[in-house]
Amino acid sequence: HHLRLEMAPSVSCWNWAKAALPLCDGEYDLFEYGRILGLQGRLAETF
């Protein structure tokens, strides 16, 4: 399975960054983990 994700911080990433905060306790780059969250959220729907 090939998944495509937006790679650079942008306005559309802001909601993912906010969702990332309670997951990583603020101890990680929120934009970086926001992308990971978007990826894992999509995978967790199927696997």
PDB file of all heavy atoms in Angstrom:
ATOM      1  N   HIS A   1       0.847  -1.191   0.000  1.00  0.00           N
ATOM      2  CA  HIS A   1       0.000   0.000   0.000  1.00  0.00           C
ATOM      3  C   HIS A   1       0.888   1.248   0.000  1.00  0.00           C
ATOM      4  O   HIS A   1       1.800   1.375   0.826  1.00  0.00           O
ATOM      5  CB  HIS A   1      -0.912   0.012   1.232  1.00  0.00           C
ATOM      6  CG  HIS A   1      -1.660  -1.271   1.429  1.00  0.00           C
ATOM      7  ND1 HIS A   1      -2.916  -1.494   0.904  1.00  0.00           N
ATOM      8  CD2 HIS A   1      -1.316  -2.425   2.076  1.00  0.00           C
ATOM      9  CE1 HIS A   1      -3.315  -2.713   1.231  1.00  0.00           C
ATOM     10  NE2 HIS A   1      -2.368  -3.295   1.944  1.00  0.00           N
ATOM     11  N   HIS A   2       0.600   2.159  -0.910  1.00  0.00           N
ATOM     12  CA  HIS A   2       1.366   3.399  -1.020  1.00  0.00           C
ATOM     13  C   HIS A   2       0.503   4.548  -0.521  1.00  0.00           C
ATOM     14  O   HIS A   2      -0.554   4.838  -1.094  1.00  0.00           O
ATOM     15  CB  HIS A   2       1.791   3.626  -2.485  1.00  0.00           C
ATOM     16  CG  HIS A   2       2.516   4.908  -2.699  1.00  0.00           C
ATOM     17  ND1 HIS A   2       2.594   5.524  -3.934  1.00  0.00           N
ATOM     18  CD2 HIS A   2       3.203   5.714  -1.834  1.00  0.00           C
ATOM     19  CE1 HIS A   2       3.288   6.634  -3.821  1.00  0.00           C
ATOM     20  NE2 HIS A   2       3.668   6.776  -2.568  1.00  0.00           N
ATOM     21  N   LEU A   3       0.947   5.199   0.545  1.00  0.00           N
ATOM     22  CA  LEU A   3       0.205   6.319   1.124  1.00  0.00           C
ATOM     23  C   LEU A   3       0.961   7.613   0.859  1.00  0.00           C
ATOM     24  O   LEU A   3       2.186   7.664   0.987  1.00  0.00           O
ATOM     25  CB  LEU A   3       0.017   6.140   2.633  1.00  0.00           C
ATOM     26  CG  LEU A   3      -1.029   5.118   3.090  1.00  0.00           C
ATOM     27  CD1 LEU A   3      -0.534   3.695   2.906  1.00  0.00           C
ATOM     28  CD2 LEU A   3      -1.393   5.355   4.548  1.00  0.00           C
ATOM     29  N   ARG A   4       0.220   8.626   0.510  1.00  0.00           N
ATOM     30  CA  ARG A   4       0.823   9.942   0.268  1.00  0.00           C
ATOM     31  C   ARG A   4       0.387  10.901   1.367  1.00  0.00           C
ATOM     32  O   ARG A   4      -0.787  10.968   1.717  1.00  0.00           O
ATOM     33  CB  ARG A   4       0.406  10.489  -1.096  1.00  0.00           C
ATOM     34  CG  ARG A   4       0.932   9.657  -2.263  1.00  0.00           C
ATOM     35  CD  ARG A   4       0.300  10.086  -3.564  1.00  0.00           C
ATOM     36  NE  ARG A   4       0.807   9.322  -4.692  1.00  0.00           N
ATOM     37  CZ  ARG A   4       0.373   8.112  -5.032  1.00  0.00           C
ATOM     38  NH1 ARG A   4      -0.579   7.535  -4.311  1.00  0.00           N
ATOM     39  NH2 ARG A   4       0.890   7.489  -6.065  1.00  0.00           N
ATOM     40  N   LEU A   5       1.364  11.635   1.894  1.00  0.00           N
ATOM     41  CA  LEU A   5       1.077  12.582   2.960  1.00  0.00           C
ATOM     42  C   LEU A   5       1.735  13.915   2.653  1.00  0.00           C
ATOM     43  O   LEU A   5       2.787  13.967   2.007  1.00  0.00           O
ATOM     44  CB  LEU A   5       1.611  12.064   4.304  1.00  0.00           C
ATOM     45  CG  LEU A   5       0.880  10.873   4.923  1.00  0.00           C
ATOM     46  CD1 LEU A   5       1.607  10.436   6.178  1.00  0.00           C
ATOM     47  CD2 LEU A   5      -0.557  11.220   5.257  1.00  0.00           C
ATOM     48  N   GLU A   6       1.110  14.988   3.145  1.00  0.00           N
ATOM     49  CA  GLU A   6       1.714  16.306   3.010  1.00  0.00           C
ATOM     50  C   GLU A   6       2.950  16.356   3.901  1.00  0.00           C
ATOM     51  O   GLU A   6       2.898  16.004   5.075  1.00  0.00           O
ATOM     52  CB  GLU A   6       0.713  17.378   3.440  1.00  0.00           C
ATOM     53  CG  GLU A   6       1.139  18.775   3.076  1.00  0.00           C
ATOM     54  CD  GLU A   6       0.009  19.767   3.292  1.00  0.00           C
ATOM     55  OE1 GLU A   6      -1.088  19.332   3.690  1.00  0.00           O
ATOM     56  OE2 GLU A   6       0.223  20.958   3.067  1.00  0.00           O
ATOM     57  N   MET A   7       4.096  16.761   3.355  1.00  0.00           N
ATOM     58  CA  MET A   7       5.361  16.644   4.071  1.00  0.00           C
ATOM     59  C   MET A   7       5.789  17.916   4.792  1.00  0.00           C
ATOM     60  O   MET A   7       6.564  17.867   5.729  1.00  0.00           O
ATOM     61  CB  MET A   7       6.473  16.218   3.095  1.00  0.00           C
ATOM     62  CG  MET A   7       6.232  14.854   2.467  1.00  0.00           C
ATOM     63  SD  MET A   7       5.951  13.556   3.692  1.00  0.00           S
ATOM     64  CE  MET A   7       7.555  13.499   4.472  1.00  0.00           C
ATOM     65  N   ALA A   8       5.349  19.090   4.352  1.00  0.00           N
ATOM     66  CA  ALA A   8       5.807  20.339   4.968  1.00  0.00           C
ATOM     67  C   ALA A   8       4.722  20.911   5.870  1.00  0.00           C
ATOM     68  O   ALA A   8       3.537  20.753   5.593  1.00  0.00           O
ATOM     69  CB  ALA A   8       6.178  21.343   3.887  1.00  0.00           C
ATOM     70  N   PRO A   9       5.103  21.573   6.986  1.00  0.00           N
ATOM     71  CA  PRO A   9       4.095  22.234   7.808  1.00  0.00           C
ATOM     72  C   PRO A   9       3.297  23.235   6.982  1.00  0.00           C
ATOM     73  O   PRO A   9       3.864  24.002   6.210  1.00  0.00           O
ATOM     74  CB  PRO A   9       4.947  22.944   8.871  1.00  0.00           C
ATOM     75  CG  PRO A   9       6.231  22.197   8.905  1.00  0.00           C
ATOM     76  CD  PRO A   9       6.460  21.727   7.503  1.00  0.00           C
ATOM     77  N   SER A  10       1.996  23.219   7.126  1.00  0.00           N
ATOM     78  CA  SER A  10       1.144  24.126   6.367  1.00  0.00           C
ATOM     79  C   SER A  10      -0.146  24.339   7.145  1.00  0.00           C
ATOM     80  O   SER A  10      -0.374  23.726   8.183  1.00  0.00           O
ATOM     81  CB  SER A  10       0.846  23.544   4.980  1.00  0.00           C
ATOM     82  OG  SER A  10       0.048  22.386   5.113  1.00  0.00           O
ATOM     83  N   VAL A  11      -0.950  25.229   6.615  1.00  0.00           N
ATOM     84  CA  VAL A  11      -2.212  25.522   7.288  1.00  0.00           C
ATOM     85  C   VAL A  11      -3.058  24.271   7.434  1.00  0.00           C
ATOM     86  O   VAL A  11      -3.683  24.029   8.474  1.00  0.00           O
ATOM     87  CB  VAL A  11      -2.978  26.608   6.506  1.00  0.00           C
ATOM     88  CG1 VAL A  11      -4.343  26.853   7.131  1.00  0.00           C
ATOM     89  CG2 VAL A  11      -2.172  27.900   6.459  1.00  0.00           C
ATOM     90  N   SER A  12      -3.070  23.431   6.409  1.00  0.00           N
ATOM     91  CA  SER A  12      -3.895  22.220   6.468  1.00  0.00           C
ATOM     92  C   SER A  12      -3.376  21.213   7.489  1.00  0.00           C
ATOM     93  O   SER A  12      -4.098  20.312   7.904  1.00  0.00           O
ATOM     94  CB  SER A  12      -3.966  21.568   5.084  1.00  0.00           C
ATOM     95  OG  SER A  12      -2.688  21.186   4.646  1.00  0.00           O
ATOM     96  N   CYS A  13      -2.089  21.357   7.898  1.00  0.00           N
ATOM     97  CA  CYS A  13      -1.510  20.455   8.905  1.00  0.00           C
ATOM     98  C   CYS A  13      -1.846  20.889  10.331  1.00  0.00           C
ATOM     99  O   CYS A  13      -1.584  20.144  11.280  1.00  0.00           O
ATOM    100  CB  CYS A  13       0.014  20.404   8.759  1.00  0.00           C
ATOM    101  SG  CYS A  13       0.606  19.601   7.267  1.00  0.00           S
ATOM    102  N   TRP A  14      -2.390  22.091  10.488  1.00  0.00           N
ATOM    103  CA  TRP A  14      -2.578  22.643  11.823  1.00  0.00           C
ATOM    104  C   TRP A  14      -3.530  21.792  12.665  1.00  0.00           C
ATOM    105  O   TRP A  14      -3.283  21.579  13.859  1.00  0.00           O
ATOM    106  CB  TRP A  14      -3.066  24.086  11.720  1.00  0.00           C
ATOM    107  CG  TRP A  14      -3.385  24.739  13.035  1.00  0.00           C
ATOM    108  CD1 TRP A  14      -4.543  25.353  13.388  1.00  0.00           C
ATOM    109  CD2 TRP A  14      -2.523  24.845  14.177  1.00  0.00           C
ATOM    110  NE1 TRP A  14      -4.470  25.847  14.666  1.00  0.00           N
ATOM    111  CE2 TRP A  14      -3.239  25.540  15.187  1.00  0.00           C
ATOM    112  CE3 TRP A  14      -1.234  24.403  14.460  1.00  0.00           C
ATOM    113  CZ2 TRP A  14      -2.696  25.807  16.433  1.00  0.00           C
ATOM    114  CZ3 TRP A  14      -0.689  24.680  15.713  1.00  0.00           C
ATOM    115  CH2 TRP A  14      -1.412  25.367  16.680  1.00  0.00           C
ATOM    116  N   ASN A  15      -4.603  21.302  12.070  1.00  0.00           N
ATOM    117  CA  ASN A  15      -5.536  20.470  12.833  1.00  0.00           C
ATOM    118  C   ASN A  15      -4.885  19.178  13.303  1.00  0.00           C
ATOM    119  O   ASN A  15      -5.133  18.703  14.414  1.00  0.00           O
ATOM    120  CB  ASN A  15      -6.784  20.172  12.000  1.00  0.00           C
ATOM    121  CG  ASN A  15      -7.676  21.392  11.840  1.00  0.00           C
ATOM    122  OD1 ASN A  15      -7.665  22.291  12.685  1.00  0.00           O
ATOM    123  ND2 ASN A  15      -8.430  21.442  10.753  1.00  0.00           N
ATOM    124  N   TRP A  16      -4.034  18.592  12.435  1.00  0.00           N
ATOM    125  CA  TRP A  16      -3.318  17.386  12.852  1.00  0.00           C
ATOM    126  C   TRP A  16      -2.346  17.711  13.988  1.00  0.00           C
ATOM    127  O   TRP A  16      -2.152  16.918  14.914  1.00  0.00           O
ATOM    128  CB  TRP A  16      -2.565  16.778  11.674  1.00  0.00           C
ATOM    129  CG  TRP A  16      -3.423  15.970  10.748  1.00  0.00           C
ATOM    130  CD1 TRP A  16      -3.692  16.230   9.443  1.00  0.00           C
ATOM    131  CD2 TRP A  16      -4.135  14.769  11.067  1.00  0.00           C
ATOM    132  NE1 TRP A  16      -4.534  15.273   8.920  1.00  0.00           N
ATOM    133  CE2 TRP A  16      -4.822  14.352   9.904  1.00  0.00           C
ATOM    134  CE3 TRP A  16      -4.271  14.003  12.220  1.00  0.00           C
ATOM    135  CZ2 TRP A  16      -5.611  13.210   9.855  1.00  0.00           C
ATOM    136  CZ3 TRP A  16      -5.065  12.851  12.183  1.00  0.00           C
ATOM    137  CH2 TRP A  16      -5.727  12.474  11.014  1.00  0.00           C
ATOM    138  N   ALA A  17      -1.707  18.873  13.921  1.00  0.00           N
ATOM    139  CA  ALA A  17      -0.769  19.259  14.978  1.00  0.00           C
ATOM    140  C   ALA A  17      -1.489  19.394  16.313  1.00  0.00           C
ATOM    141  O   ALA A  17      -0.985  18.965  17.354  1.00  0.00           O
ATOM    142  CB  ALA A  17      -0.069  20.574  14.602  1.00  0.00           C
ATOM    143  N   LYS A  18      -2.682  19.981  16.289  1.00  0.00           N
ATOM    144  CA  LYS A  18      -3.449  20.104  17.534  1.00  0.00           C
ATOM    145  C   LYS A  18      -3.855  18.739  18.068  1.00  0.00           C
ATOM    146  O   LYS A  18      -3.814  18.494  19.276  1.00  0.00           O
ATOM    147  CB  LYS A  18      -4.696  20.968  17.283  1.00  0.00           C
ATOM    148  CG  LYS A  18      -4.394  22.438  17.077  1.00  0.00           C
ATOM    149  CD  LYS A  18      -5.665  23.286  17.129  1.00  0.00           C
ATOM    150  CE  LYS A  18      -6.568  22.991  15.940  1.00  0.00           C
ATOM    151  NZ  LYS A  18      -7.772  23.867  15.948  1.00  0.00           N
ATOM    152  N   ALA A  19      -4.225  17.846  17.168  1.00  0.00           N
ATOM    153  CA  ALA A  19      -4.593  16.496  17.597  1.00  0.00           C
ATOM    154  C   ALA A  19      -3.388  15.737  18.148  1.00  0.00           C
ATOM    155  O   ALA A  19      -3.538  14.821  18.968  1.00  0.00           O
ATOM    156  CB  ALA A  19      -5.200  15.726  16.420  1.00  0.00           C
ATOM    157  N   ALA A  20      -2.182  16.127  17.694  1.00  0.00           N
ATOM    158  CA  ALA A  20      -0.969  15.428  18.131  1.00  0.00           C
ATOM    159  C   ALA A  20      -0.593  15.765  19.563  1.00  0.00           C
ATOM    160  O   ALA A  20       0.053  14.962  20.246  1.00  0.00           O
ATOM    161  CB  ALA A  20       0.192  15.777  17.192  1.00  0.00           C
ATOM    162  N   LEU A  21      -0.958  16.948  20.036  1.00  0.00           N
ATOM    163  CA  LEU A  21      -0.515  17.414  21.358  1.00  0.00           C
ATOM    164  C   LEU A  21      -0.837  16.431  22.487  1.00  0.00           C
ATOM    165  O   LEU A  21       0.057  16.047  23.244  1.00  0.00           O
ATOM    166  CB  LEU A  21      -1.099  18.794  21.647  1.00  0.00           C
ATOM    167  CG  LEU A  21      -0.796  19.357  23.039  1.00  0.00           C
ATOM    168  CD1 LEU A  21       0.697  19.549  23.230  1.00  0.00           C
ATOM    169  CD2 LEU A  21      -1.535  20.672  23.256  1.00  0.00           C
ATOM    170  N   PRO A  22      -2.091  15.989  22.659  1.00  0.00           N
ATOM    171  CA  PRO A  22      -2.362  15.075  23.781  1.00  0.00           C
ATOM    172  C   PRO A  22      -1.730  13.692  23.606  1.00  0.00           C
ATOM    173  O   PRO A  22      -1.586  12.963  24.583  1.00  0.00           O
ATOM    174  CB  PRO A  22      -3.899  14.978  23.789  1.00  0.00           C
ATOM    175  CG  PRO A  22      -4.313  15.330  22.407  1.00  0.00           C
ATOM    176  CD  PRO A  22      -3.321  16.343  21.923  1.00  0.00           C
ATOM    177  N   LEU A  23      -1.351  13.336  22.378  1.00  0.00           N
ATOM    178  CA  LEU A  23      -0.743  12.026  22.170  1.00  0.00           C
ATOM    179  C   LEU A  23       0.733  12.021  22.527  1.00  0.00           C
ATOM    180  O   LEU A  23       1.235  11.040  23.083  1.00  0.00           O
ATOM    181  CB  LEU A  23      -0.923  11.576  20.713  1.00  0.00           C
ATOM    182  CG  LEU A  23      -2.363  11.351  20.241  1.00  0.00           C
ATOM    183  CD1 LEU A  23      -2.383  10.838  18.813  1.00  0.00           C
ATOM    184  CD2 LEU A  23      -3.086  10.362  21.154  1.00  0.00           C
ATOM    185  N   CYS A  24       1.439  13.100  22.193  1.00  0.00           N
ATOM    186  CA  CYS A  24       2.883  13.119  22.457  1.00  0.00           C
ATOM    187  C   CYS A  24       3.250  14.025  23.633  1.00  0.00           C
ATOM    188  O   CYS A  24       4.429  14.285  23.865  1.00  0.00           O
ATOM    189  CB  CYS A  24       3.664  13.505  21.210  1.00  0.00           C
ATOM    190  SG  CYS A  24       3.295  15.146  20.575  1.00  0.00           S
ATOM    191  N   ASP A  25       2.256  14.490  24.394  1.00  0.00           N
ATOM    192  CA  ASP A  25       2.493  15.267  25.623  1.00  0.00           C
ATOM    193  C   ASP A  25       3.298  16.540  25.386  1.00  0.00           C
ATOM    194  O   ASP A  25       3.919  17.063  26.310  1.00  0.00           O
ATOM    195  CB  ASP A  25       3.205  14.407  26.676  1.00  0.00           C
ATOM    196  CG  ASP A  25       2.317  13.302  27.220  1.00  0.00           C
ATOM    197  OD1 ASP A  25       1.084  13.440  27.129  1.00  0.00           O
ATOM    198  OD2 ASP A  25       2.842  12.293  27.721  1.00  0.00           O
ATOM    199  N   GLY A  26       3.332  17.019  24.142  1.00  0.00           N
ATOM    200  CA  GLY A  26       4.112  18.209  23.849  1.00  0.00           C
ATOM    201  C   GLY A  26       5.603  17.974  23.838  1.00  0.00           C
ATOM    202  O   GLY A  26       6.383  18.918  23.711  1.00  0.00           O
ATOM    203  N   GLU A  27       6.043  16.716  23.969  1.00  0.00           N
ATOM    204  CA  GLU A  27       7.473  16.401  24.023  1.00  0.00           C
ATOM    205  C   GLU A  27       8.026  16.018  22.650  1.00  0.00           C
ATOM    206  O   GLU A  27       9.058  15.353  22.551  1.00  0.00           O
ATOM    207  CB  GLU A  27       7.726  15.264  25.017  1.00  0.00           C
ATOM    208  CG  GLU A  27       7.416  15.637  26.466  1.00  0.00           C
ATOM    209  CD  GLU A  27       7.698  14.522  27.444  1.00  0.00           C
ATOM    210  OE1 GLU A  27       8.200  13.462  27.019  1.00  0.00           O
ATOM    211  OE2 GLU A  27       7.439  14.702  28.645  1.00  0.00           O
ATOM    212  N   TYR A  28       7.339  16.429  21.604  1.00  0.00           N
ATOM    213  CA  TYR A  28       7.795  16.121  20.247  1.00  0.00           C
ATOM    214  C   TYR A  28       7.271  17.204  19.313  1.00  0.00           C
ATOM    215  O   TYR A  28       6.261  17.852  19.602  1.00  0.00           O
ATOM    216  CB  TYR A  28       7.273  14.738  19.812  1.00  0.00           C
ATOM    217  CG  TYR A  28       7.970  14.180  18.597  1.00  0.00           C
ATOM    218  CD1 TYR A  28       9.231  13.605  18.708  1.00  0.00           C
ATOM    219  CD2 TYR A  28       7.384  14.234  17.339  1.00  0.00           C
ATOM    220  CE1 TYR A  28       9.888  13.090  17.594  1.00  0.00           C
ATOM    221  CE2 TYR A  28       8.030  13.722  16.219  1.00  0.00           C
ATOM    222  CZ  TYR A  28       9.279  13.153  16.359  1.00  0.00           C
ATOM    223  OH  TYR A  28       9.932  12.655  15.262  1.00  0.00           O
ATOM    224  N   ASP A  29       7.952  17.417  18.207  1.00  0.00           N
ATOM    225  CA  ASP A  29       7.541  18.386  17.198  1.00  0.00           C
ATOM    226  C   ASP A  29       6.105  18.069  16.751  1.00  0.00           C
ATOM    227  O   ASP A  29       5.840  17.014  16.171  1.00  0.00           O
ATOM    228  CB  ASP A  29       8.509  18.297  16.012  1.00  0.00           C
ATOM    229  CG  ASP A  29       8.197  19.292  14.910  1.00  0.00           C
ATOM    230  OD1 ASP A  29       7.007  19.595  14.683  1.00  0.00           O
ATOM    231  OD2 ASP A  29       9.145  19.749  14.252  1.00  0.00           O
ATOM    232  N   LEU A  30       5.175  18.976  17.020  1.00  0.00           N
ATOM    233  CA  LEU A  30       3.762  18.694  16.757  1.00  0.00           C
ATOM    234  C   LEU A  30       3.451  18.572  15.272  1.00  0.00           C
ATOM    235  O   LEU A  30       2.596  17.767  14.885  1.00  0.00           O
ATOM    236  CB  LEU A  30       2.884  19.780  17.385  1.00  0.00           C
ATOM    237  CG  LEU A  30       2.873  19.848  18.906  1.00  0.00           C
ATOM    238  CD1 LEU A  30       1.869  20.884  19.379  1.00  0.00           C
ATOM    239  CD2 LEU A  30       2.558  18.494  19.521  1.00  0.00           C
ATOM    240  N   PHE A  31       4.121  19.349  14.439  1.00  0.00           N
ATOM    241  CA  PHE A  31       3.872  19.220  13.002  1.00  0.00           C
ATOM    242  C   PHE A  31       4.414  17.886  12.477  1.00  0.00           C
ATOM    243  O   PHE A  31       3.785  17.233  11.659  1.00  0.00           O
ATOM    244  CB  PHE A  31       4.496  20.391  12.241  1.00  0.00           C
ATOM    245  CG  PHE A  31       3.716  21.660  12.375  1.00  0.00           C
ATOM    246  CD1 PHE A  31       4.161  22.675  13.202  1.00  0.00           C
ATOM    247  CD2 PHE A  31       2.520  21.833  11.699  1.00  0.00           C
ATOM    248  CE1 PHE A  31       3.433  23.846  13.344  1.00  0.00           C
ATOM    249  CE2 PHE A  31       1.781  22.996  11.823  1.00  0.00           C
ATOM    250  CZ  PHE A  31       2.243  24.007  12.651  1.00  0.00           C
ATOM    251  N   GLU A  32       5.579  17.502  12.972  1.00  0.00           N
ATOM    252  CA  GLU A  32       6.160  16.224  12.553  1.00  0.00           C
ATOM    253  C   GLU A  32       5.269  15.066  12.994  1.00  0.00           C
ATOM    254  O   GLU A  32       4.943  14.175  12.217  1.00  0.00           O
ATOM    255  CB  GLU A  32       7.562  16.076  13.145  1.00  0.00           C
ATOM    256  CG  GLU A  32       8.235  14.738  12.857  1.00  0.00           C
ATOM    257  CD  GLU A  32       8.542  14.533  11.390  1.00  0.00           C
ATOM    258  OE1 GLU A  32       8.689  15.537  10.661  1.00  0.00           O
ATOM    259  OE2 GLU A  32       8.614  13.360  10.963  1.00  0.00           O
ATOM    260  N   TYR A  33       4.854  15.067  14.272  1.00  0.00           N
ATOM    261  CA  TYR A  33       4.004  13.961  14.713  1.00  0.00           C
ATOM    262  C   TYR A  33       2.598  14.071  14.142  1.00  0.00           C
ATOM    263  O   TYR A  33       1.919  13.055  13.965  1.00  0.00           O
ATOM    264  CB  TYR A  33       3.924  13.857  16.246  1.00  0.00           C
ATOM    265  CG  TYR A  33       3.208  12.577  16.598  1.00  0.00           C
ATOM    266  CD1 TYR A  33       3.831  11.349  16.408  1.00  0.00           C
ATOM    267  CD2 TYR A  33       1.873  12.589  16.990  1.00  0.00           C
ATOM    268  CE1 TYR A  33       3.151  10.169  16.628  1.00  0.00           C
ATOM    269  CE2 TYR A  33       1.188  11.408  17.216  1.00  0.00           C
ATOM    270  CZ  TYR A  33       1.837  10.203  17.028  1.00  0.00           C
ATOM    271  OH  TYR A  33       1.162   9.017  17.226  1.00  0.00           O
ATOM    272  N   GLY A  34       2.157  15.267  13.802  1.00  0.00           N
ATOM    273  CA  GLY A  34       0.852  15.406  13.153  1.00  0.00           C
ATOM    274  C   GLY A  34       0.798  14.616  11.862  1.00  0.00           C
ATOM    275  O   GLY A  34      -0.217  13.980  11.541  1.00  0.00           O
ATOM    276  N   ARG A  35       1.902  14.632  11.093  1.00  0.00           N
ATOM    277  CA  ARG A  35       1.945  13.832   9.858  1.00  0.00           C
ATOM    278  C   ARG A  35       1.920  12.341  10.173  1.00  0.00           C
ATOM    279  O   ARG A  35       1.252  11.563   9.500  1.00  0.00           O
ATOM    280  CB  ARG A  35       3.198  14.199   9.055  1.00  0.00           C
ATOM    281  CG  ARG A  35       3.165  15.603   8.485  1.00  0.00           C
ATOM    282  CD  ARG A  35       4.257  15.810   7.450  1.00  0.00           C
ATOM    283  NE  ARG A  35       5.590  15.763   8.029  1.00  0.00           N
ATOM    284  CZ  ARG A  35       6.219  16.837   8.519  1.00  0.00           C
ATOM    285  NH1 ARG A  35       5.616  18.000   8.525  1.00  0.00           N
ATOM    286  NH2 ARG A  35       7.445  16.737   9.004  1.00  0.00           N
ATOM    287  N   ILE A  36       2.669  11.935  11.206  1.00  0.00           N
ATOM    288  CA  ILE A  36       2.672  10.527  11.605  1.00  0.00           C
ATOM    289  C   ILE A  36       1.280  10.114  12.063  1.00  0.00           C
ATOM    290  O   ILE A  36       0.795   9.017  11.735  1.00  0.00           O
ATOM    291  CB  ILE A  36       3.702  10.296  12.727  1.00  0.00           C
ATOM    292  CG1 ILE A  36       5.114  10.621  12.221  1.00  0.00           C
ATOM    293  CG2 ILE A  36       3.641   8.861  13.243  1.00  0.00           C
ATOM    294  CD1 ILE A  36       6.178  10.598  13.308  1.00  0.00           C
ATOM    295  N   LEU A  37       0.624  10.987  12.812  1.00  0.00           N
ATOM    296  CA  LEU A  37      -0.733  10.710  13.292  1.00  0.00           C
ATOM    297  C   LEU A  37      -1.689  10.526  12.122  1.00  0.00           C
ATOM    298  O   LEU A  37      -2.530   9.614  12.120  1.00  0.00           O
ATOM    299  CB  LEU A  37      -1.197  11.854  14.193  1.00  0.00           C
ATOM    300  CG  LEU A  37      -2.649  11.828  14.662  1.00  0.00           C
ATOM    301  CD1 LEU A  37      -2.936  10.574  15.453  1.00  0.00           C
ATOM    302  CD2 LEU A  37      -2.950  13.078  15.507  1.00  0.00           C
ATOM    303  N   GLY A  38      -1.560  11.397  11.106  1.00  0.00           N
ATOM    304  CA  GLY A  38      -2.413  11.251   9.937  1.00  0.00           C
ATOM    305  C   GLY A  38      -2.202   9.912   9.248  1.00  0.00           C
ATOM    306  O   GLY A  38      -3.163   9.243   8.843  1.00  0.00           O
ATOM    307  N   LEU A  39      -0.956   9.489   9.145  1.00  0.00           N
ATOM    308  CA  LEU A  39      -0.639   8.201   8.527  1.00  0.00           C
ATOM    309  C   LEU A  39      -1.189   7.046   9.354  1.00  0.00           C
ATOM    310  O   LEU A  39      -1.891   6.170   8.837  1.00  0.00           O
ATOM    311  CB  LEU A  39       0.884   8.077   8.390  1.00  0.00           C
ATOM    312  CG  LEU A  39       1.433   6.674   8.098  1.00  0.00           C
ATOM    313  CD1 LEU A  39       0.996   6.209   6.722  1.00  0.00           C
ATOM    314  CD2 LEU A  39       2.942   6.652   8.232  1.00  0.00           C
ATOM    315  N   GLN A  40      -0.885   7.049  10.658  1.00  0.00           N
ATOM    316  CA  GLN A  40      -1.317   5.929  11.498  1.00  0.00           C
ATOM    317  C   GLN A  40      -2.832   5.883  11.651  1.00  0.00           C
ATOM    318  O   GLN A  40      -3.418   4.796  11.745  1.00  0.00           O
ATOM    319  CB  GLN A  40      -0.636   6.024  12.865  1.00  0.00           C
ATOM    320  CG  GLN A  40       0.873   5.808  12.791  1.00  0.00           C
ATOM    321  CD  GLN A  40       1.533   5.811  14.149  1.00  0.00           C
ATOM    322  OE1 GLN A  40       0.985   6.330  15.131  1.00  0.00           O
ATOM    323  NE2 GLN A  40       2.722   5.250  14.218  1.00  0.00           N
ATOM    324  N   GLY A  41      -3.454   7.046  11.662  1.00  0.00           N
ATOM    325  CA  GLY A  41      -4.911   7.068  11.731  1.00  0.00           C
ATOM    326  C   GLY A  41      -5.547   6.396  10.534  1.00  0.00           C
ATOM    327  O   GLY A  41      -6.527   5.654  10.668  1.00  0.00           O
ATOM    328  N   ARG A  42      -4.993   6.627   9.356  1.00  0.00           N
ATOM    329  CA  ARG A  42      -5.524   5.995   8.142  1.00  0.00           C
ATOM    330  C   ARG A  42      -5.268   4.493   8.153  1.00  0.00           C
ATOM    331  O   ARG A  42      -6.135   3.694   7.790  1.00  0.00           O
ATOM    332  CB  ARG A  42      -4.898   6.635   6.910  1.00  0.00           C
ATOM    333  CG  ARG A  42      -5.388   8.054   6.653  1.00  0.00           C
ATOM    334  CD  ARG A  42      -4.500   8.803   5.690  1.00  0.00           C
ATOM    335  NE  ARG A  42      -4.447   8.168   4.372  1.00  0.00           N
ATOM    336  CZ  ARG A  42      -3.655   8.584   3.388  1.00  0.00           C
ATOM    337  NH1 ARG A  42      -2.849   9.630   3.589  1.00  0.00           N
ATOM    338  NH2 ARG A  42      -3.667   7.977   2.218  1.00  0.00           N
ATOM    339  N   LEU A  43      -4.076   4.090   8.593  1.00  0.00           N
ATOM    340  CA  LEU A  43      -3.761   2.660   8.631  1.00  0.00           C
ATOM    341  C   LEU A  43      -4.617   1.930   9.664  1.00  0.00           C
ATOM    342  O   LEU A  43      -5.062   0.792   9.432  1.00  0.00           O
ATOM    343  CB  LEU A  43      -2.277   2.459   8.951  1.00  0.00           C
ATOM    344  CG  LEU A  43      -1.293   2.854   7.851  1.00  0.00           C
ATOM    345  CD1 LEU A  43       0.134   2.835   8.390  1.00  0.00           C
ATOM    346  CD2 LEU A  43      -1.404   1.905   6.647  1.00  0.00           C
ATOM    347  N   ALA A  44      -4.848   2.575  10.814  1.00  0.00           N
ATOM    348  CA  ALA A  44      -5.614   1.924  11.883  1.00  0.00           C
ATOM    349  C   ALA A  44      -7.066   1.687  11.504  1.00  0.00           C
ATOM    350  O   ALA A  44      -7.753   0.879  12.142  1.00  0.00           O
ATOM    351  CB  ALA A  44      -5.537   2.773  13.160  1.00  0.00           C
ATOM    352  N   GLU A  45      -7.553   2.378  10.478  1.00  0.00           N
ATOM    353  CA  GLU A  45      -8.921   2.135  10.018  1.00  0.00           C
ATOM    354  C   GLU A  45      -9.059   0.774   9.337  1.00  0.00           C
ATOM    355  O   GLU A  45     -10.144   0.198   9.293  1.00  0.00           O
ATOM    356  CB  GLU A  45      -9.342   3.239   9.040  1.00  0.00           C
ATOM    357  CG  GLU A  45      -9.477   4.615   9.684  1.00  0.00           C
ATOM    358  CD  GLU A  45      -9.758   5.689   8.650  1.00  0.00           C
ATOM    359  OE1 GLU A  45      -9.798   5.354   7.442  1.00  0.00           O
ATOM    360  OE2 GLU A  45      -9.945   6.866   9.044  1.00  0.00           O
ATOM    361  N   THR A  46      -7.947   0.251   8.799  1.00  0.00           N
ATOM    362  CA  THR A  46      -7.983  -1.003   8.040  1.00  0.00           C
ATOM    363  C   THR A  46      -7.274  -2.145   8.761  1.00  0.00           C
ATOM    364  O   THR A  46      -7.707  -3.293   8.686  1.00  0.00           O
ATOM    365  CB  THR A  46      -7.323  -0.802   6.662  1.00  0.00           C
ATOM    366  OG1 THR A  46      -7.984   0.272   5.988  1.00  0.00           O
ATOM    367  CG2 THR A  46      -7.398  -2.058   5.818  1.00  0.00           C
ATOM    368  N   PHE A  47      -6.180  -1.818   9.475  1.00  0.00           N
ATOM    369  CA  PHE A  47      -5.341  -2.858  10.078  1.00  0.00           C
ATOM    370  C   PHE A  47      -5.434  -2.786  11.600  1.00  0.00           C
ATOM    371  O   PHE A  47      -5.838  -1.762  12.164  1.00  0.00           O
ATOM    372  CB  PHE A  47      -3.898  -2.682   9.618  1.00  0.00           C
ATOM    373  CG  PHE A  47      -3.742  -2.703   8.119  1.00  0.00           C
ATOM    374  CD1 PHE A  47      -3.639  -1.522   7.403  1.00  0.00           C
ATOM    375  CD2 PHE A  47      -3.717  -3.906   7.423  1.00  0.00           C
ATOM    376  CE1 PHE A  47      -3.507  -1.528   6.026  1.00  0.00           C
ATOM    377  CE2 PHE A  47      -3.590  -3.935   6.051  1.00  0.00           C
ATOM    378  CZ  PHE A  47      -3.481  -2.746   5.346  1.00  0.00           C
TER     379      PHE A  47
END
